[in-house]
N, C-alpha and C. Protein backbone atom coordinates (compact mmCIF):
# COMPACT_ATOMS: atom_id res chain seq x y z
N MET A 1 -3.75 -22.94 -11.14
CA MET A 1 -4.01 -21.69 -10.32
C MET A 1 -2.83 -21.52 -9.38
N SER A 2 -2.52 -20.21 -9.35
CA SER A 2 -1.12 -19.89 -8.98
C SER A 2 -1.74 -19.46 -7.23
N ASP A 3 -0.55 -19.56 -6.64
CA ASP A 3 -0.70 -19.26 -4.96
C ASP A 3 -0.93 -17.85 -4.97
N VAL A 4 -1.78 -17.80 -3.82
CA VAL A 4 -2.18 -16.27 -3.22
C VAL A 4 -0.71 -15.72 -3.03
N ILE A 5 -0.68 -14.49 -3.34
CA ILE A 5 0.42 -13.51 -2.82
C ILE A 5 0.10 -12.71 -1.67
N ASN A 6 0.77 -12.94 -0.65
CA ASN A 6 0.71 -12.05 0.69
C ASN A 6 1.74 -11.17 0.89
N LEU A 7 1.46 -9.74 1.00
CA LEU A 7 2.32 -8.64 1.19
C LEU A 7 2.12 -7.88 2.38
N GLN A 8 3.19 -7.22 2.90
CA GLN A 8 3.17 -6.21 3.92
C GLN A 8 3.78 -4.90 3.55
N ALA A 9 3.12 -3.90 3.63
CA ALA A 9 4.19 -2.61 3.08
C ALA A 9 4.08 -1.71 4.33
N THR A 10 5.18 -1.40 4.87
CA THR A 10 5.34 -0.47 6.10
C THR A 10 5.89 1.05 5.74
N PHE A 11 5.04 1.92 6.23
CA PHE A 11 5.17 3.35 5.89
C PHE A 11 5.73 3.98 6.86
N ILE A 12 6.78 4.78 6.98
CA ILE A 12 7.20 5.41 8.10
C ILE A 12 7.21 7.17 7.90
N PRO A 13 5.95 7.83 8.26
CA PRO A 13 5.70 9.10 8.22
C PRO A 13 6.83 10.15 8.67
N ASN A 14 6.96 11.03 8.12
CA ASN A 14 7.84 12.32 8.64
C ASN A 14 7.19 12.76 9.87
N GLN A 15 8.16 13.54 10.82
CA GLN A 15 7.42 13.74 11.98
C GLN A 15 6.19 14.82 11.69
N GLY A 16 5.15 14.46 12.30
CA GLY A 16 3.78 15.40 12.01
C GLY A 16 3.00 14.99 10.80
N GLU A 17 3.52 14.30 10.02
CA GLU A 17 2.69 13.88 8.80
C GLU A 17 1.97 12.36 8.68
N PHE A 18 1.77 11.87 9.81
CA PHE A 18 0.96 10.90 9.91
C PHE A 18 -0.47 10.77 9.24
N PHE A 19 -1.21 11.96 9.30
CA PHE A 19 -2.53 12.05 8.93
C PHE A 19 -2.46 12.36 7.66
N ARG A 20 -1.62 13.16 7.05
CA ARG A 20 -1.54 13.07 5.62
C ARG A 20 -0.80 11.50 4.62
N VAL A 21 -0.31 11.03 5.62
CA VAL A 21 0.12 9.64 5.14
C VAL A 21 -1.20 8.52 5.10
N LYS A 22 -1.80 8.68 6.23
CA LYS A 22 -2.88 7.87 6.17
C LYS A 22 -3.94 8.39 5.27
N LEU A 23 -4.35 9.39 4.96
CA LEU A 23 -5.11 9.86 4.18
C LEU A 23 -4.97 9.59 2.85
N ALA A 24 -3.46 9.50 2.34
CA ALA A 24 -3.30 9.17 0.92
C ALA A 24 -3.44 7.66 0.87
N LEU A 25 -2.83 6.80 1.85
CA LEU A 25 -3.34 5.43 1.82
C LEU A 25 -4.93 5.25 1.52
N GLU A 26 -5.70 5.76 2.50
CA GLU A 26 -7.00 5.55 2.33
C GLU A 26 -7.63 5.88 1.06
N ILE A 27 -7.19 7.04 0.38
CA ILE A 27 -7.74 7.50 -1.00
C ILE A 27 -7.24 6.11 -1.97
N ALA A 28 -6.02 5.54 -1.77
CA ALA A 28 -5.68 4.70 -2.74
C ALA A 28 -6.27 3.14 -2.40
N ILE A 29 -6.49 2.91 -1.10
CA ILE A 29 -7.15 1.93 -0.97
C ILE A 29 -8.60 1.84 -1.54
N GLU A 30 -9.39 2.88 -1.69
CA GLU A 30 -10.82 2.87 -2.18
C GLU A 30 -10.40 2.70 -3.58
N GLN A 31 -9.29 2.87 -4.36
CA GLN A 31 -9.03 2.50 -5.87
C GLN A 31 -8.69 0.99 -6.13
N VAL A 32 -7.67 0.63 -5.19
CA VAL A 32 -7.23 -0.64 -5.49
C VAL A 32 -8.07 -1.83 -5.06
N VAL A 33 -8.99 -1.61 -4.01
CA VAL A 33 -9.78 -2.69 -3.64
C VAL A 33 -10.87 -3.04 -4.92
N GLU A 34 -10.87 -2.17 -5.99
CA GLU A 34 -11.60 -2.54 -7.01
C GLU A 34 -10.95 -3.16 -8.10
N GLU A 35 -9.71 -3.30 -7.92
CA GLU A 35 -8.59 -3.84 -9.12
C GLU A 35 -8.79 -5.37 -9.14
N ALA A 36 -8.66 -5.88 -10.51
CA ALA A 36 -8.86 -7.23 -10.47
C ALA A 36 -7.70 -8.10 -9.47
N GLY A 37 -8.22 -9.05 -9.02
CA GLY A 37 -7.20 -10.07 -8.32
C GLY A 37 -7.16 -9.42 -7.12
N CYS A 38 -7.65 -8.24 -6.34
CA CYS A 38 -7.18 -8.04 -5.01
C CYS A 38 -8.12 -8.43 -4.12
N ILE A 39 -7.73 -9.43 -3.28
CA ILE A 39 -8.41 -9.88 -2.22
C ILE A 39 -8.33 -8.95 -1.14
N GLN A 40 -7.24 -8.85 -0.53
CA GLN A 40 -7.10 -7.80 0.56
C GLN A 40 -6.29 -6.54 0.37
N TYR A 41 -6.48 -5.30 0.61
CA TYR A 41 -5.61 -4.24 0.60
C TYR A 41 -6.26 -3.40 1.71
N GLU A 42 -5.64 -3.13 2.99
CA GLU A 42 -6.04 -2.41 4.21
C GLU A 42 -4.97 -2.37 5.26
N ILE A 43 -5.27 -1.23 6.05
CA ILE A 43 -4.43 -0.81 7.13
C ILE A 43 -4.66 -1.74 8.01
N THR A 44 -3.51 -2.29 8.39
CA THR A 44 -3.78 -3.17 9.80
C THR A 44 -3.09 -2.84 11.10
N GLN A 45 -2.21 -1.70 10.99
CA GLN A 45 -1.76 -0.95 12.10
C GLN A 45 -1.45 0.42 11.51
N ALA A 46 -1.69 1.29 12.59
CA ALA A 46 -1.50 2.66 12.45
C ALA A 46 -0.98 3.23 13.65
N SER A 47 -0.03 3.86 13.65
CA SER A 47 0.58 4.70 14.69
C SER A 47 1.46 5.94 14.27
N GLU A 48 1.73 6.87 14.89
CA GLU A 48 2.21 8.15 14.60
C GLU A 48 3.63 7.62 14.03
N GLU A 49 4.37 6.53 14.48
CA GLU A 49 5.64 5.98 14.00
C GLU A 49 5.49 5.26 12.78
N LYS A 50 4.05 4.54 12.50
CA LYS A 50 4.13 3.42 11.46
C LYS A 50 2.82 2.97 11.15
N ILE A 51 2.87 2.96 9.78
CA ILE A 51 1.58 2.45 9.17
C ILE A 51 1.73 1.29 8.36
N VAL A 52 1.23 0.11 8.65
CA VAL A 52 1.39 -1.05 8.05
C VAL A 52 -0.15 -1.40 7.28
N LEU A 53 0.16 -1.52 5.97
CA LEU A 53 -0.75 -2.04 4.79
C LEU A 53 -0.52 -3.35 4.66
N THR A 54 -1.47 -4.10 4.71
CA THR A 54 -1.56 -5.66 4.46
C THR A 54 -2.20 -5.93 3.10
N GLU A 55 -1.55 -6.54 2.06
CA GLU A 55 -2.15 -6.80 0.82
C GLU A 55 -2.32 -8.48 0.56
N GLN A 56 -3.18 -8.89 -0.45
CA GLN A 56 -3.37 -10.06 -0.65
C GLN A 56 -3.75 -9.95 -2.15
N TRP A 57 -3.31 -10.70 -2.80
CA TRP A 57 -3.38 -10.77 -4.31
C TRP A 57 -3.50 -12.26 -4.88
N ALA A 58 -4.66 -12.37 -5.95
CA ALA A 58 -4.86 -13.55 -6.40
C ALA A 58 -3.78 -14.46 -7.25
N SER A 59 -2.95 -13.68 -7.63
CA SER A 59 -1.67 -13.94 -8.44
C SER A 59 -0.77 -12.87 -8.77
N GLU A 60 0.35 -13.51 -9.24
CA GLU A 60 1.37 -12.70 -9.49
C GLU A 60 1.21 -11.64 -10.41
N GLU A 61 0.46 -12.20 -11.55
CA GLU A 61 0.09 -11.27 -12.70
C GLU A 61 -0.86 -10.10 -12.09
N ASP A 62 -1.65 -10.18 -11.16
CA ASP A 62 -2.64 -9.41 -10.56
C ASP A 62 -1.65 -8.27 -10.03
N LEU A 63 -0.75 -8.69 -9.11
CA LEU A 63 0.12 -7.97 -8.59
C LEU A 63 0.94 -7.16 -9.45
N ASP A 64 1.48 -7.65 -10.17
CA ASP A 64 2.24 -7.03 -11.26
C ASP A 64 1.23 -6.10 -12.25
N LYS A 65 0.09 -6.08 -12.33
CA LYS A 65 -0.86 -5.08 -12.91
C LYS A 65 -0.81 -4.08 -11.90
N HIS A 66 -1.05 -4.64 -10.64
CA HIS A 66 -1.55 -3.44 -9.63
C HIS A 66 -0.25 -2.36 -9.49
N SER A 67 1.04 -3.10 -9.36
CA SER A 67 2.24 -2.56 -9.31
C SER A 67 2.56 -1.38 -10.18
N LYS A 68 2.16 -1.58 -11.66
CA LYS A 68 2.26 -0.66 -12.64
C LYS A 68 0.96 0.43 -12.90
N GLY A 69 0.16 -0.03 -12.07
CA GLY A 69 -1.10 1.01 -12.14
C GLY A 69 -1.26 2.36 -11.82
N ILE A 70 -1.96 2.98 -12.09
CA ILE A 70 -2.42 4.62 -11.80
C ILE A 70 -2.43 4.73 -10.28
N ALA A 71 -3.03 3.92 -9.44
CA ALA A 71 -3.34 3.98 -7.97
C ALA A 71 -2.10 4.08 -7.34
N VAL A 72 -1.31 3.26 -7.58
CA VAL A 72 0.23 3.03 -7.23
C VAL A 72 1.17 4.02 -7.38
N GLN A 73 0.95 4.63 -8.65
CA GLN A 73 1.74 5.92 -9.20
C GLN A 73 1.09 7.06 -8.43
N ASP A 74 -0.22 7.34 -8.28
CA ASP A 74 -0.65 8.44 -7.65
C ASP A 74 -0.21 8.48 -6.27
N LEU A 75 -0.16 7.29 -5.49
CA LEU A 75 0.05 7.23 -4.22
C LEU A 75 1.63 7.59 -3.94
N ASN A 76 2.49 7.11 -4.71
CA ASN A 76 3.74 7.33 -4.53
C ASN A 76 4.22 8.73 -4.66
N GLU A 77 3.44 9.17 -5.75
CA GLU A 77 3.62 10.51 -5.97
C GLU A 77 3.15 11.64 -4.54
N SER A 78 1.76 11.02 -4.15
CA SER A 78 1.49 11.67 -2.74
C SER A 78 2.22 11.76 -1.59
N LEU A 79 2.73 10.65 -1.59
CA LEU A 79 3.84 10.06 -0.44
C LEU A 79 5.32 10.74 -0.78
N SER A 80 5.67 11.26 -1.87
CA SER A 80 7.16 11.35 -2.06
C SER A 80 7.85 12.30 -1.12
N ALA A 81 7.03 13.44 -0.53
CA ALA A 81 7.80 14.03 0.46
C ALA A 81 7.24 13.77 1.75
N LEU A 82 6.45 12.80 2.15
CA LEU A 82 5.98 12.80 3.41
C LEU A 82 6.35 11.74 4.22
N LEU A 83 7.30 10.55 3.58
CA LEU A 83 7.97 9.48 4.47
C LEU A 83 9.36 10.08 4.85
N ALA A 84 9.58 9.20 5.96
CA ALA A 84 11.16 9.46 6.56
C ALA A 84 12.01 8.60 5.62
N GLU A 85 11.27 7.30 5.20
CA GLU A 85 12.25 6.45 4.48
C GLU A 85 11.46 5.79 3.30
N PRO A 86 12.21 4.89 2.60
CA PRO A 86 11.34 4.07 1.49
C PRO A 86 10.47 3.10 1.93
N VAL A 87 9.30 2.92 1.34
CA VAL A 87 8.53 1.89 1.87
C VAL A 87 9.10 0.56 1.92
N LYS A 88 8.80 -0.12 2.93
CA LYS A 88 9.40 -1.42 3.06
C LYS A 88 8.31 -2.57 2.74
N LEU A 89 8.58 -3.41 1.78
CA LEU A 89 7.41 -4.16 1.24
C LEU A 89 8.08 -5.55 1.28
N GLU A 90 7.36 -6.48 2.06
CA GLU A 90 7.72 -7.83 2.53
C GLU A 90 6.66 -8.77 1.98
N ARG A 91 7.07 -10.11 1.62
CA ARG A 91 6.20 -11.01 1.39
C ARG A 91 5.97 -12.07 2.89
N PHE A 92 5.10 -12.51 2.71
CA PHE A 92 5.01 -13.62 3.67
C PHE A 92 4.23 -14.71 3.49
C-alpha cells in the first residue's frame, strides 16, 4: 500500500475576485470529493488575499487521475482570468 499524499494549493485572487474564486473552488470540491482515492479536498483558509485548499489522496495513482480529470480542467478554465498568480501547489 502506498503512502497518503498530502497537498496544499494556494490561490491568490485578483483584486475584487475573492467570491468568484471561492465559488469556483466550492463547485470543484463537490465533484472532487466523489473521486476515487480522495480523502480530503476542502478550503482550510480563506481571506480576500489568499485561499488555501488542503488535499489528501490515498495514492499517487489517485492524485494523477484527479490531476487529469474533468473537475480540474473545469476549475482551471474557471480560474484562468481570476487569479493574480499561478496556483502554488505544495506537498507536505
